[in-house]
Amino acid sequence: MTTLDLTRAPAADDSCASDCGPGGSTSAVGLDEGAAATYAEWFAVLADATRVRLLHTVSTSAAGAMKVGDLAAALGISQSTCSHHVRKLADVGFVKVDKVGASSIVSVNPSCCTGLPHAADVVMGTLAARPCCPEDLPTDVTVRAMTDDDLETVREIYAEGIATRLATFETEVPAADALVAKWLPGHRWVAELDGRVVGWTAITPVSSREVYVGVGESSVYVTESARGRGVGKALLWRQVNEADVAGIWTLQTSVFPENRASIALHHSAGYETLAVRSRIAQLDGEWRDTVLLERRRAAD
């Protein structure tokens, strides 16, 4: 199990396709040659409008994967031209190609959904202005402190997240008293929409040691029926601002790389990708990667 350090470039056989942690040392002497060469290769492959359109078409497709023939039709190009561009993208690991019968199925490599954006951040000297919280908050979502009366609903929403196998390594919902015991007092919130609780967020201390008193592990869950309504944005806005006021200087969270919506949501709240932790643990007997994200309070 290897933590992929975002300050190193991947080895030649450790392309973005496998378990790419974006690399690139940014020491006093600047970006090292190996990382620069790797990034140049990535960016060169994307220096073609058709490939950019192809990558976008696959990543935004309903199934997250498309047949080469369907891709060609969607882009208005020949199947042979489409196959050529797919191979170029696959060579650096932006997409994966699987044979299913006589068809070639193209899908986006989830590791690169974090690797490529972070590569750009490294090249540009990281984010120039870190956002404090999500924008465009919904006006119909209310976020308030969680009470004990909310706990059963909270557990039901948690169970939905567990069932997706895209949210957590947990396989069973903890008891209500166990949840309350692990969460940081004063930092558990629920979101209400149309008069019902539809999401929650909470912060768990990462350690009992005094030196880590300002470091917390955050969790955010939204019920399936309310997703896409800005509930997550509203919860994160409350979470990060209350944490800042309370003196919590670091928030961290781990997200499965396949959960691109969650990664994007956390980025909008000022979380940054630190590492892709390759094969960090097993879920249902299968090794899974996680993306480690962190938000630092601006004052610190």
C-alpha atoms as a PDB file:
ATOM      1  CA  MET A   1       0.000   0.000   0.000  1.00  0.00           C
ATOM      2  CA  THR A   2       1.650   3.192  -1.189  1.00  0.00           C
ATOM      3  CA  THR A   3       0.722   6.786  -0.577  1.00  0.00           C
ATOM      4  CA  LEU A   4       1.311   8.512  -3.892  1.00  0.00           C
ATOM      5  CA  ASP A   5       3.203  11.663  -3.026  1.00  0.00           C
ATOM      6  CA  LEU A   6       2.019  14.660  -4.973  1.00  0.00           C
ATOM      7  CA  THR A   7       5.521  16.111  -4.854  1.00  0.00           C
ATOM      8  CA  ARG A   8       7.008  13.421  -7.071  1.00  0.00           C
ATOM      9  CA  ALA A   9       6.502  12.496 -10.674  1.00  0.00           C
ATOM     10  CA  PRO A  10       5.174   9.015 -11.506  1.00  0.00           C
ATOM     11  CA  ALA A  11       7.661   6.500 -12.784  1.00  0.00           C
ATOM     12  CA  ALA A  12       7.691   5.634 -16.469  1.00  0.00           C
ATOM     13  CA  ASP A  13       5.532   2.557 -15.888  1.00  0.00           C
ATOM     14  CA  ASP A  14       3.337   4.283 -13.304  1.00  0.00           C
ATOM     15  CA  SER A  15       1.309   6.367 -15.716  1.00  0.00           C
ATOM     16  CA  CYS A  16      -1.801   8.295 -14.918  1.00  0.00           C
ATOM     17  CA  ALA A  17      -3.711   5.218 -16.041  1.00  0.00           C
ATOM     18  CA  SER A  18      -2.728   2.975 -13.168  1.00  0.00           C
ATOM     19  CA  ASP A  19      -2.742   4.839  -9.881  1.00  0.00           C
ATOM     20  CA  CYS A  20      -1.410   8.207 -10.810  1.00  0.00           C
ATOM     21  CA  GLY A  21      -0.533  10.583  -8.090  1.00  0.00           C
ATOM     22  CA  PRO A  22       0.342  13.796  -9.840  1.00  0.00           C
ATOM     23  CA  GLY A  23       3.976  14.549  -9.323  1.00  0.00           C
ATOM     24  CA  GLY A  24       6.289  17.459  -9.432  1.00  0.00           C
ATOM     25  CA  SER A  25       8.770  18.719  -6.913  1.00  0.00           C
ATOM     26  CA  THR A  26       8.482  22.445  -6.315  1.00  0.00           C
ATOM     27  CA  SER A  27      11.645  22.961  -4.314  1.00  0.00           C
ATOM     28  CA  ALA A  28      13.771  26.090  -4.378  1.00  0.00           C
ATOM     29  CA  VAL A  29      15.287  25.019  -7.707  1.00  0.00           C
ATOM     30  CA  GLY A  30      11.863  24.774  -9.304  1.00  0.00           C
ATOM     31  CA  LEU A  31       9.958  21.971 -10.944  1.00  0.00           C
ATOM     32  CA  ASP A  32      12.232  18.966 -11.460  1.00  0.00           C
ATOM     33  CA  GLU A  33      12.930  17.737 -14.992  1.00  0.00           C
ATOM     34  CA  GLY A  34      11.220  14.381 -14.591  1.00  0.00           C
ATOM     35  CA  ALA A  35       7.960  15.914 -13.399  1.00  0.00           C
ATOM     36  CA  ALA A  36       8.109  18.606 -16.075  1.00  0.00           C
ATOM     37  CA  ALA A  37       8.567  15.966 -18.784  1.00  0.00           C
ATOM     38  CA  THR A  38       5.634  13.946 -17.453  1.00  0.00           C
ATOM     39  CA  TYR A  39       3.333  16.962 -17.362  1.00  0.00           C
ATOM     40  CA  ALA A  40       4.464  18.092 -20.801  1.00  0.00           C
ATOM     41  CA  GLU A  41       3.432  14.702 -22.178  1.00  0.00           C
ATOM     42  CA  TRP A  42       0.016  14.950 -20.526  1.00  0.00           C
ATOM     43  CA  PHE A  43      -0.594  18.462 -21.796  1.00  0.00           C
ATOM     44  CA  ALA A  44       0.692  17.622 -25.284  1.00  0.00           C
ATOM     45  CA  VAL A  45      -1.856  14.849 -25.631  1.00  0.00           C
ATOM     46  CA  LEU A  46      -4.589  17.333 -24.781  1.00  0.00           C
ATOM     47  CA  ALA A  47      -3.273  19.892 -27.300  1.00  0.00           C
ATOM     48  CA  ASP A  48      -5.891  18.661 -29.742  1.00  0.00           C
ATOM     49  CA  ALA A  49      -9.477  19.865 -29.684  1.00  0.00           C
ATOM     50  CA  THR A  50     -10.897  16.511 -30.783  1.00  0.00           C
ATOM     51  CA  ARG A  51      -9.214  14.717 -27.878  1.00  0.00           C
ATOM     52  CA  VAL A  52     -10.490  17.308 -25.433  1.00  0.00           C
ATOM     53  CA  ARG A  53     -14.013  16.876 -26.812  1.00  0.00           C
ATOM     54  CA  LEU A  54     -13.632  13.083 -26.680  1.00  0.00           C
ATOM     55  CA  LEU A  55     -12.493  13.114 -23.068  1.00  0.00           C
ATOM     56  CA  HIS A  56     -15.334  15.447 -22.109  1.00  0.00           C
ATOM     57  CA  THR A  57     -17.916  13.350 -23.957  1.00  0.00           C
ATOM     58  CA  VAL A  58     -16.899  10.162 -22.178  1.00  0.00           C
ATOM     59  CA  SER A  59     -16.605  11.770 -18.742  1.00  0.00           C
ATOM     60  CA  THR A  60     -20.050  13.378 -18.970  1.00  0.00           C
ATOM     61  CA  SER A  61     -21.847  10.367 -20.438  1.00  0.00           C
ATOM     62  CA  ALA A  62     -24.604   8.868 -18.329  1.00  0.00           C
ATOM     63  CA  ALA A  63     -22.821   5.525 -17.933  1.00  0.00           C
ATOM     64  CA  GLY A  64     -19.332   6.999 -17.664  1.00  0.00           C
ATOM     65  CA  ALA A  65     -18.297   4.766 -20.565  1.00  0.00           C
ATOM     66  CA  MET A  66     -19.024   4.598 -24.306  1.00  0.00           C
ATOM     67  CA  LYS A  67     -18.399   2.344 -27.275  1.00  0.00           C
ATOM     68  CA  VAL A  68     -15.886   3.689 -29.780  1.00  0.00           C
ATOM     69  CA  GLY A  69     -18.572   3.629 -32.475  1.00  0.00           C
ATOM     70  CA  ASP A  70     -20.957   5.687 -30.341  1.00  0.00           C
ATOM     71  CA  LEU A  71     -18.152   8.119 -29.503  1.00  0.00           C
ATOM     72  CA  ALA A  72     -17.337   8.592 -33.174  1.00  0.00           C
ATOM     73  CA  ALA A  73     -20.986   9.298 -33.951  1.00  0.00           C
ATOM     74  CA  ALA A  74     -21.291  11.770 -31.080  1.00  0.00           C
ATOM     75  CA  LEU A  75     -18.200  13.673 -32.237  1.00  0.00           C
ATOM     76  CA  GLY A  76     -19.019  13.513 -35.943  1.00  0.00           C
ATOM     77  CA  ILE A  77     -15.760  11.789 -36.880  1.00  0.00           C
ATOM     78  CA  SER A  78     -14.901   8.449 -38.472  1.00  0.00           C
ATOM     79  CA  GLN A  79     -14.478   5.401 -36.255  1.00  0.00           C
ATOM     80  CA  SER A  80     -10.834   5.032 -37.315  1.00  0.00           C
ATOM     81  CA  THR A  81     -10.093   8.654 -36.365  1.00  0.00           C
ATOM     82  CA  CYS A  82     -11.867   8.151 -33.063  1.00  0.00           C
ATOM     83  CA  SER A  83      -9.827   5.003 -32.344  1.00  0.00           C
ATOM     84  CA  HIS A  84      -6.612   6.926 -33.076  1.00  0.00           C
ATOM     85  CA  HIS A  85      -7.462   9.642 -30.549  1.00  0.00           C
ATOM     86  CA  VAL A  86      -8.617   7.083 -27.982  1.00  0.00           C
ATOM     87  CA  ARG A  87      -5.233   5.348 -28.239  1.00  0.00           C
ATOM     88  CA  LYS A  88      -3.420   8.641 -27.667  1.00  0.00           C
ATOM     89  CA  LEU A  89      -5.481   9.317 -24.543  1.00  0.00           C
ATOM     90  CA  ALA A  90      -5.035   5.754 -23.323  1.00  0.00           C
ATOM     91  CA  ASP A  91      -1.267   5.895 -23.793  1.00  0.00           C
ATOM     92  CA  VAL A  92      -0.934   8.484 -21.004  1.00  0.00           C
ATOM     93  CA  GLY A  93      -3.763   6.989 -18.984  1.00  0.00           C
ATOM     94  CA  PHE A  94      -6.555   9.536 -19.337  1.00  0.00           C
ATOM     95  CA  VAL A  95      -8.914   6.775 -20.472  1.00  0.00           C
ATOM     96  CA  LYS A  96      -9.141   3.016 -20.202  1.00  0.00           C
ATOM     97  CA  VAL A  97     -10.236   0.745 -23.039  1.00  0.00           C
ATOM     98  CA  ASP A  98     -11.890  -2.610 -22.355  1.00  0.00           C
ATOM     99  CA  LYS A  99     -12.971  -5.211 -24.877  1.00  0.00           C
ATOM    100  CA  VAL A 100     -16.524  -6.421 -24.396  1.00  0.00           C
ATOM    101  CA  GLY A 101     -17.270  -8.934 -27.097  1.00  0.00           C
ATOM    102  CA  ALA A 102     -16.467  -7.249 -30.398  1.00  0.00           C
ATOM    103  CA  SER A 103     -16.801  -3.743 -28.959  1.00  0.00           C
ATOM    104  CA  SER A 104     -14.178  -1.465 -27.416  1.00  0.00           C
ATOM    105  CA  ILE A 105     -15.539   0.356 -24.363  1.00  0.00           C
ATOM    106  CA  VAL A 106     -13.873   3.644 -23.424  1.00  0.00           C
ATOM    107  CA  SER A 107     -14.067   4.988 -19.862  1.00  0.00           C
ATOM    108  CA  VAL A 108     -12.333   7.785 -17.997  1.00  0.00           C
ATOM    109  CA  ASN A 109      -9.618   6.738 -15.558  1.00  0.00           C
ATOM    110  CA  PRO A 110     -10.844   8.142 -12.216  1.00  0.00           C
ATOM    111  CA  SER A 111      -7.306   8.590 -10.873  1.00  0.00           C
ATOM    112  CA  CYS A 112      -6.663  11.201 -13.527  1.00  0.00           C
ATOM    113  CA  CYS A 113      -9.666  13.224 -12.453  1.00  0.00           C
ATOM    114  CA  THR A 114      -7.504  14.307  -9.537  1.00  0.00           C
ATOM    115  CA  GLY A 115      -4.095  13.891 -11.134  1.00  0.00           C
ATOM    116  CA  LEU A 116      -4.576  16.278 -14.047  1.00  0.00           C
ATOM    117  CA  PRO A 117      -6.056  19.234 -12.094  1.00  0.00           C
ATOM    118  CA  HIS A 118      -3.359  18.961  -9.469  1.00  0.00           C
ATOM    119  CA  ALA A 119      -0.660  18.848 -12.151  1.00  0.00           C
ATOM    120  CA  ALA A 120      -1.903  22.201 -13.393  1.00  0.00           C
ATOM    121  CA  ASP A 121      -1.837  23.540  -9.819  1.00  0.00           C
ATOM    122  CA  VAL A 122       1.771  22.403  -9.396  1.00  0.00           C
ATOM    123  CA  VAL A 123       2.886  23.951 -12.682  1.00  0.00           C
ATOM    124  CA  MET A 124       1.188  27.233 -11.859  1.00  0.00           C
ATOM    125  CA  GLY A 125       2.564  27.364  -8.312  1.00  0.00           C
ATOM    126  CA  THR A 126      -0.625  26.006  -6.662  1.00  0.00           C
ATOM    127  CA  LEU A 127      -3.883  27.940  -6.272  1.00  0.00           C
ATOM    128  CA  ALA A 128      -3.401  31.700  -6.305  1.00  0.00           C
ATOM    129  CA  ALA A 129      -6.548  32.364  -4.320  1.00  0.00           C
ATOM    130  CA  ARG A 130      -8.080  29.541  -2.355  1.00  0.00           C
ATOM    131  CA  PRO A 131     -11.884  29.717  -2.163  1.00  0.00           C
ATOM    132  CA  CYS A 132     -13.288  29.887   1.350  1.00  0.00           C
ATOM    133  CA  CYS A 133     -16.486  28.049   0.617  1.00  0.00           C
ATOM    134  CA  PRO A 134     -18.852  27.050  -2.185  1.00  0.00           C
ATOM    135  CA  GLU A 135     -20.629  29.771  -4.102  1.00  0.00           C
ATOM    136  CA  ASP A 136     -24.196  29.946  -5.410  1.00  0.00           C
ATOM    137  CA  LEU A 137     -25.730  28.563  -2.238  1.00  0.00           C
ATOM    138  CA  PRO A 138     -29.328  27.355  -2.636  1.00  0.00           C
ATOM    139  CA  THR A 139     -31.962  29.584  -1.077  1.00  0.00           C
ATOM    140  CA  ASP A 140     -34.309  26.720  -0.231  1.00  0.00           C
ATOM    141  CA  VAL A 141     -31.844  24.723   1.902  1.00  0.00           C
ATOM    142  CA  THR A 142     -31.487  25.441   5.615  1.00  0.00           C
ATOM    143  CA  VAL A 143     -28.541  24.178   7.648  1.00  0.00           C
ATOM    144  CA  ARG A 144     -28.837  23.925  11.421  1.00  0.00           C
ATOM    145  CA  ALA A 145     -27.172  22.172  14.324  1.00  0.00           C
ATOM    146  CA  MET A 146     -27.876  18.450  14.503  1.00  0.00           C
ATOM    147  CA  THR A 147     -29.933  17.278  17.477  1.00  0.00           C
ATOM    148  CA  ASP A 148     -30.367  13.820  18.933  1.00  0.00           C
ATOM    149  CA  ASP A 149     -33.825  13.728  17.339  1.00  0.00           C
ATOM    150  CA  ASP A 150     -32.146  13.840  13.920  1.00  0.00           C
ATOM    151  CA  LEU A 151     -29.928  10.835  14.505  1.00  0.00           C
ATOM    152  CA  GLU A 152     -32.145   8.129  13.040  1.00  0.00           C
ATOM    153  CA  THR A 153     -32.636  10.139   9.845  1.00  0.00           C
ATOM    154  CA  VAL A 154     -28.909  10.808   9.781  1.00  0.00           C
ATOM    155  CA  ARG A 155     -28.264   7.060  10.062  1.00  0.00           C
ATOM    156  CA  GLU A 156     -30.690   6.382   7.198  1.00  0.00           C
ATOM    157  CA  ILE A 157     -28.835   8.847   4.958  1.00  0.00           C
ATOM    158  CA  TYR A 158     -25.558   7.277   6.045  1.00  0.00           C
ATOM    159  CA  ALA A 159     -26.933   3.866   5.065  1.00  0.00           C
ATOM    160  CA  GLU A 160     -27.708   5.164   1.570  1.00  0.00           C
ATOM    161  CA  GLY A 161     -24.108   6.315   1.220  1.00  0.00           C
ATOM    162  CA  ILE A 162     -22.771   2.969   2.425  1.00  0.00           C
ATOM    163  CA  ALA A 163     -24.937   1.131  -0.110  1.00  0.00           C
ATOM    164  CA  THR A 164     -23.380   3.015  -3.047  1.00  0.00           C
ATOM    165  CA  ARG A 165     -19.903   1.651  -2.192  1.00  0.00           C
ATOM    166  CA  LEU A 166     -18.616   5.065  -3.349  1.00  0.00           C
ATOM    167  CA  ALA A 167     -18.721   6.938  -0.056  1.00  0.00           C
ATOM    168  CA  THR A 168     -17.041   5.008   2.743  1.00  0.00           C
ATOM    169  CA  PHE A 169     -15.260   1.812   3.763  1.00  0.00           C
ATOM    170  CA  GLU A 170     -17.981   1.288   6.369  1.00  0.00           C
ATOM    171  CA  THR A 171     -20.290  -1.619   5.570  1.00  0.00           C
ATOM    172  CA  GLU A 172     -22.731  -1.162   8.457  1.00  0.00           C
ATOM    173  CA  VAL A 173     -24.219   1.970   9.988  1.00  0.00           C
ATOM    174  CA  PRO A 174     -22.775   2.671  13.447  1.00  0.00           C
ATOM    175  CA  ALA A 175     -25.166   3.009  16.350  1.00  0.00           C
ATOM    176  CA  ALA A 176     -26.419   6.512  17.099  1.00  0.00           C
ATOM    177  CA  ASP A 177     -24.541   6.750  20.396  1.00  0.00           C
ATOM    178  CA  ALA A 178     -21.330   5.632  18.680  1.00  0.00           C
ATOM    179  CA  LEU A 179     -21.678   8.411  16.112  1.00  0.00           C
ATOM    180  CA  VAL A 180     -22.287  11.071  18.740  1.00  0.00           C
ATOM    181  CA  ALA A 181     -19.327   9.844  20.775  1.00  0.00           C
ATOM    182  CA  LYS A 182     -16.871  10.156  17.877  1.00  0.00           C
ATOM    183  CA  TRP A 183     -18.022  13.509  16.480  1.00  0.00           C
ATOM    184  CA  LEU A 184     -16.617  16.811  17.663  1.00  0.00           C
ATOM    185  CA  PRO A 185     -19.217  18.614  19.828  1.00  0.00           C
ATOM    186  CA  GLY A 186     -20.608  21.676  18.118  1.00  0.00           C
ATOM    187  CA  HIS A 187     -19.562  20.514  14.669  1.00  0.00           C
ATOM    188  CA  ARG A 188     -22.395  18.336  13.471  1.00  0.00           C
ATOM    189  CA  TRP A 189     -24.999  19.848  11.150  1.00  0.00           C
ATOM    190  CA  VAL A 190     -28.048  18.804   9.149  1.00  0.00           C
ATOM    191  CA  ALA A 191     -29.587  20.308   6.028  1.00  0.00           C
ATOM    192  CA  GLU A 192     -33.332  20.673   5.612  1.00  0.00           C
ATOM    193  CA  LEU A 193     -35.172  20.906   2.308  1.00  0.00           C
ATOM    194  CA  ASP A 194     -38.945  21.130   2.033  1.00  0.00           C
ATOM    195  CA  GLY A 195     -39.233  20.573   5.768  1.00  0.00           C
ATOM    196  CA  ARG A 196     -37.230  17.365   6.011  1.00  0.00           C
ATOM    197  CA  VAL A 197     -33.629  16.472   6.822  1.00  0.00           C
ATOM    198  CA  VAL A 198     -31.849  15.587   3.578  1.00  0.00           C
ATOM    199  CA  GLY A 199     -28.165  15.706   4.476  1.00  0.00           C
ATOM    200  CA  TRP A 200     -25.613  15.996   7.232  1.00  0.00           C
ATOM    201  CA  THR A 201     -22.004  16.812   7.944  1.00  0.00           C
ATOM    202  CA  ALA A 202     -19.834  16.186  10.982  1.00  0.00           C
ATOM    203  CA  ILE A 203     -16.207  16.513  12.042  1.00  0.00           C
ATOM    204  CA  THR A 204     -14.273  13.834  13.891  1.00  0.00           C
ATOM    205  CA  PRO A 205     -11.028  14.635  15.772  1.00  0.00           C
ATOM    206  CA  VAL A 206      -8.087  12.901  14.105  1.00  0.00           C
ATOM    207  CA  SER A 207      -6.248  12.381  17.392  1.00  0.00           C
ATOM    208  CA  SER A 208      -6.653  12.757  21.142  1.00  0.00           C
ATOM    209  CA  ARG A 209      -3.224  14.393  21.379  1.00  0.00           C
ATOM    210  CA  GLU A 210      -3.348  18.071  22.271  1.00  0.00           C
ATOM    211  CA  VAL A 211      -1.138  19.125  19.358  1.00  0.00           C
ATOM    212  CA  TYR A 212      -3.817  17.921  16.924  1.00  0.00           C
ATOM    213  CA  VAL A 213      -6.720  19.661  18.631  1.00  0.00           C
ATOM    214  CA  GLY A 214      -7.294  21.802  15.545  1.00  0.00           C
ATOM    215  CA  VAL A 215      -7.277  18.957  13.015  1.00  0.00           C
ATOM    216  CA  GLY A 216     -10.480  17.165  12.071  1.00  0.00           C
ATOM    217  CA  GLU A 217     -11.747  14.542   9.634  1.00  0.00           C
ATOM    218  CA  SER A 218     -14.902  15.721   7.878  1.00  0.00           C
ATOM    219  CA  SER A 219     -17.819  13.758   6.448  1.00  0.00           C
ATOM    220  CA  VAL A 220     -20.682  14.938   4.218  1.00  0.00           C
ATOM    221  CA  TYR A 221     -23.694  12.861   3.131  1.00  0.00           C
ATOM    222  CA  VAL A 222     -26.776  13.814   1.123  1.00  0.00           C
ATOM    223  CA  THR A 223     -29.837  11.633   0.602  1.00  0.00           C
ATOM    224  CA  GLU A 224     -30.228  10.360  -2.949  1.00  0.00           C
ATOM    225  CA  SER A 225     -33.523  12.140  -3.624  1.00  0.00           C
ATOM    226  CA  ALA A 226     -32.011  15.542  -2.795  1.00  0.00           C
ATOM    227  CA  ARG A 227     -28.755  15.292  -4.723  1.00  0.00           C
ATOM    228  CA  GLY A 228     -28.159  18.000  -7.289  1.00  0.00           C
ATOM    229  CA  ARG A 229     -30.067  20.587  -5.229  1.00  0.00           C
ATOM    230  CA  GLY A 230     -27.051  22.278  -3.654  1.00  0.00           C
ATOM    231  CA  VAL A 231     -27.448  20.519  -0.308  1.00  0.00           C
ATOM    232  CA  GLY A 232     -23.771  19.530  -0.200  1.00  0.00           C
ATOM    233  CA  LYS A 233     -22.713  23.118  -0.942  1.00  0.00           C
ATOM    234  CA  ALA A 234     -24.850  24.452   1.884  1.00  0.00           C
ATOM    235  CA  LEU A 235     -23.509  21.872   4.329  1.00  0.00           C
ATOM    236  CA  LEU A 236     -19.886  22.565   3.409  1.00  0.00           C
ATOM    237  CA  TRP A 237     -20.407  26.330   3.697  1.00  0.00           C
ATOM    238  CA  ARG A 238     -21.579  25.879   7.291  1.00  0.00           C
ATOM    239  CA  GLN A 239     -18.922  23.273   8.034  1.00  0.00           C
ATOM    240  CA  VAL A 240     -15.869  25.250   6.937  1.00  0.00           C
ATOM    241  CA  ASN A 241     -16.977  28.616   8.277  1.00  0.00           C
ATOM    242  CA  GLU A 242     -17.902  27.248  11.694  1.00  0.00           C
ATOM    243  CA  ALA A 243     -14.617  25.344  11.779  1.00  0.00           C
ATOM    244  CA  ASP A 244     -12.672  28.522  10.993  1.00  0.00           C
ATOM    245  CA  VAL A 245     -14.397  30.439  13.776  1.00  0.00           C
ATOM    246  CA  ALA A 246     -13.788  27.610  16.252  1.00  0.00           C
ATOM    247  CA  GLY A 247     -10.057  27.530  15.558  1.00  0.00           C
ATOM    248  CA  ILE A 248      -9.973  24.278  13.616  1.00  0.00           C
ATOM    249  CA  TRP A 249      -7.008  24.932  11.346  1.00  0.00           C
ATOM    250  CA  THR A 250      -7.080  21.772   9.242  1.00  0.00           C
ATOM    251  CA  LEU A 251      -9.946  19.757   7.806  1.00  0.00           C
ATOM    252  CA  GLN A 252      -9.170  16.568   5.924  1.00  0.00           C
ATOM    253  CA  THR A 253     -11.231  13.946   4.177  1.00  0.00           C
ATOM    254  CA  SER A 254     -10.731  10.845   2.031  1.00  0.00           C
ATOM    255  CA  VAL A 255     -12.839  10.280  -1.071  1.00  0.00           C
ATOM    256  CA  PHE A 256     -12.910   7.382  -3.515  1.00  0.00           C
ATOM    257  CA  PRO A 257     -11.487   8.646  -6.849  1.00  0.00           C
ATOM    258  CA  GLU A 258     -14.594   7.374  -8.628  1.00  0.00           C
ATOM    259  CA  ASN A 259     -16.680   9.869  -6.627  1.00  0.00           C
ATOM    260  CA  ARG A 260     -15.832  12.835  -8.826  1.00  0.00           C
ATOM    261  CA  ALA A 261     -18.810  14.887  -7.662  1.00  0.00           C
ATOM    262  CA  SER A 262     -17.601  14.771  -4.067  1.00  0.00           C
ATOM    263  CA  ILE A 263     -14.050  15.699  -5.049  1.00  0.00           C
ATOM    264  CA  ALA A 264     -15.292  18.692  -7.059  1.00  0.00           C
ATOM    265  CA  LEU A 265     -17.540  19.779  -4.191  1.00  0.00           C
ATOM    266  CA  HIS A 266     -14.677  19.693  -1.705  1.00  0.00           C
ATOM    267  CA  HIS A 267     -12.403  21.583  -4.088  1.00  0.00           C
ATOM    268  CA  SER A 268     -15.031  24.334  -4.265  1.00  0.00           C
ATOM    269  CA  ALA A 269     -14.827  24.645  -0.474  1.00  0.00           C
ATOM    270  CA  GLY A 270     -11.067  25.164  -0.477  1.00  0.00           C
ATOM    271  CA  TYR A 271      -9.982  21.550  -0.015  1.00  0.00           C
ATOM    272  CA  GLU A 272      -6.889  20.612  -2.019  1.00  0.00           C
ATOM    273  CA  THR A 273      -5.768  17.218  -3.262  1.00  0.00           C
ATOM    274  CA  LEU A 274      -2.749  15.995  -1.307  1.00  0.00           C
ATOM    275  CA  ALA A 275      -2.345  12.407  -2.465  1.00  0.00           C
ATOM    276  CA  VAL A 276      -3.928   9.417  -4.124  1.00  0.00           C
ATOM    277  CA  ARG A 277      -3.502   6.621  -1.603  1.00  0.00           C
ATOM    278  CA  SER A 278      -3.158   3.534  -3.743  1.00  0.00           C
ATOM    279  CA  ARG A 279      -4.755   0.288  -2.517  1.00  0.00           C
ATOM    280  CA  ILE A 280      -5.142   1.747   0.966  1.00  0.00           C
ATOM    281  CA  ALA A 281      -7.818  -0.701   2.159  1.00  0.00           C
ATOM    282  CA  GLN A 282     -10.245  -3.357   1.004  1.00  0.00           C
ATOM    283  CA  LEU A 283     -13.981  -3.015   0.551  1.00  0.00           C
ATOM    284  CA  ASP A 284     -15.939  -6.204  -0.132  1.00  0.00           C
ATOM    285  CA  GLY A 285     -12.617  -7.966  -0.716  1.00  0.00           C
ATOM    286  CA  GLU A 286     -11.463  -5.481  -3.359  1.00  0.00           C
ATOM    287  CA  TRP A 287      -8.505  -3.111  -2.926  1.00  0.00           C
ATOM    288  CA  ARG A 288      -9.602   0.514  -3.252  1.00  0.00           C
ATOM    289  CA  ASP A 289      -7.763   3.801  -3.674  1.00  0.00           C
ATOM    290  CA  THR A 290      -8.692   7.017  -1.908  1.00  0.00           C
ATOM    291  CA  VAL A 291      -7.976  10.661  -2.640  1.00  0.00           C
ATOM    292  CA  LEU A 292      -6.732  12.530   0.424  1.00  0.00           C
ATOM    293  CA  LEU A 293      -7.962  16.134   0.493  1.00  0.00           C
ATOM    294  CA  GLU A 294      -7.164  18.875   2.979  1.00  0.00           C
ATOM    295  CA  ARG A 295      -8.391  22.373   3.755  1.00  0.00           C
ATOM    296  CA  ARG A 296      -6.211  24.751   5.771  1.00  0.00           C
ATOM    297  CA  ARG A 297      -7.646  27.767   7.517  1.00  0.00           C
ATOM    298  CA  ALA A 298      -6.465  30.867   5.666  1.00  0.00           C
ATOM    299  CA  ALA A 299      -5.058  32.476   8.824  1.00  0.00           C
ATOM    300  CA  ASP A 300      -2.785  29.469   9.343  1.00  0.00           C
END
